């Protein structure tokens, strides 16, 4: 688990692997429900972040970018 700064608060991110797919569960410090995001690939082979289930795309893209940045710094 790791923490990230998001919109002025700390979010907790847990990495999980489900059937060879990596997903990230995000817990917010306020009353928002947890969010699950994963990286996917468009038919034109460009990657993007999406929420599971769909419906929170804006948060998924914003937090996904933060996760990518964090993981790139780690390696």
Protein backbone atom coordinates (compact mmCIF):
# COMPACT_ATOMS: atom_id res chain seq x y z
CA UNK A 1 0.00 0.00 0.00
CA UNK A 2 1.13 3.55 -0.67
CA UNK A 3 -0.29 7.03 -0.26
CA UNK A 4 -0.62 9.77 -2.85
CA UNK A 5 -1.59 13.44 -2.71
CA UNK A 6 -4.83 14.02 -4.62
CA UNK A 7 -6.73 17.31 -4.64
CA UNK A 8 -5.23 18.44 -1.35
CA UNK A 9 -5.71 15.22 0.60
CA UNK A 10 -4.00 11.85 1.02
CA UNK A 11 -5.49 8.81 -0.71
CA UNK A 12 -4.47 5.23 0.08
CA UNK A 13 -3.72 2.97 -2.86
CA UNK A 14 -3.58 -0.82 -2.71
CA UNK A 15 -2.34 -2.92 -5.64
CA UNK A 16 -4.06 -6.25 -6.37
CA UNK A 17 -3.74 -8.86 -9.11
CA UNK A 18 -6.92 -10.53 -10.32
CA UNK A 19 -6.65 -13.16 -13.06
CA UNK A 20 -3.33 -11.67 -14.27
CA UNK A 21 -4.77 -8.13 -14.35
CA UNK A 22 -3.39 -5.50 -12.00
CA UNK A 23 -5.98 -3.26 -10.37
CA UNK A 24 -5.60 -0.52 -7.80
CA UNK A 25 -8.10 0.13 -5.00
CA UNK A 26 -8.19 3.73 -3.83
CA UNK A 27 -9.55 4.71 -0.42
CA UNK A 28 -10.48 8.35 0.11
CA UNK A 29 -10.25 10.19 3.45
CA UNK A 30 -13.79 11.57 3.04
CA UNK A 31 -17.16 9.89 2.52
CA UNK A 32 -16.57 8.90 -1.14
CA UNK A 33 -16.82 5.21 -1.91
CA UNK A 34 -13.54 3.45 -2.71
CA UNK A 35 -12.52 3.46 -6.37
CA UNK A 36 -10.96 0.60 -8.33
CA UNK A 37 -8.91 1.52 -11.41
CA UNK A 38 -6.90 -0.38 -13.98
CA UNK A 39 -4.88 0.44 -17.06
CA UNK A 40 -6.40 -0.67 -20.36
CA UNK A 41 -5.53 -0.35 -24.05
CA UNK A 42 -7.63 1.25 -26.81
CA UNK A 43 -7.96 -0.52 -30.16
CA UNK A 44 -5.28 1.87 -31.48
CA UNK A 45 -2.85 0.51 -28.83
CA UNK A 46 -2.83 3.61 -26.61
CA UNK A 47 -3.08 3.03 -22.87
CA UNK A 48 -5.63 4.71 -20.62
CA UNK A 49 -6.89 4.41 -17.05
CA UNK A 50 -10.46 3.35 -16.34
CA UNK A 51 -12.63 2.69 -13.31
CA UNK A 52 -14.09 -0.72 -12.51
CA UNK A 53 -17.02 -0.67 -12.86
CA UNK A 54 -17.20 2.22 -15.30
CA UNK A 55 -18.66 5.53 -14.25
CA UNK A 56 -15.87 7.41 -12.48
CA UNK A 57 -13.68 8.05 -15.51
CA UNK A 58 -12.45 11.53 -14.54
CA UNK A 59 -11.15 10.29 -11.17
CA UNK A 60 -9.70 7.17 -12.80
CA UNK A 61 -7.71 9.21 -15.31
CA UNK A 62 -6.45 11.71 -12.72
CA UNK A 63 -5.50 9.12 -10.11
CA UNK A 64 -4.18 6.70 -12.72
CA UNK A 65 -1.69 9.35 -13.85
CA UNK A 66 -0.55 9.76 -10.23
CA UNK A 67 -0.17 5.98 -9.87
CA UNK A 68 1.89 5.79 -13.08
CA UNK A 69 4.14 8.59 -11.86
CA UNK A 70 4.60 6.87 -8.49
CA UNK A 71 5.42 3.50 -10.06
CA UNK A 72 7.88 5.06 -12.53
CA UNK A 73 9.73 6.76 -9.66
CA UNK A 74 9.93 3.42 -7.83
CA UNK A 75 11.64 1.56 -10.68
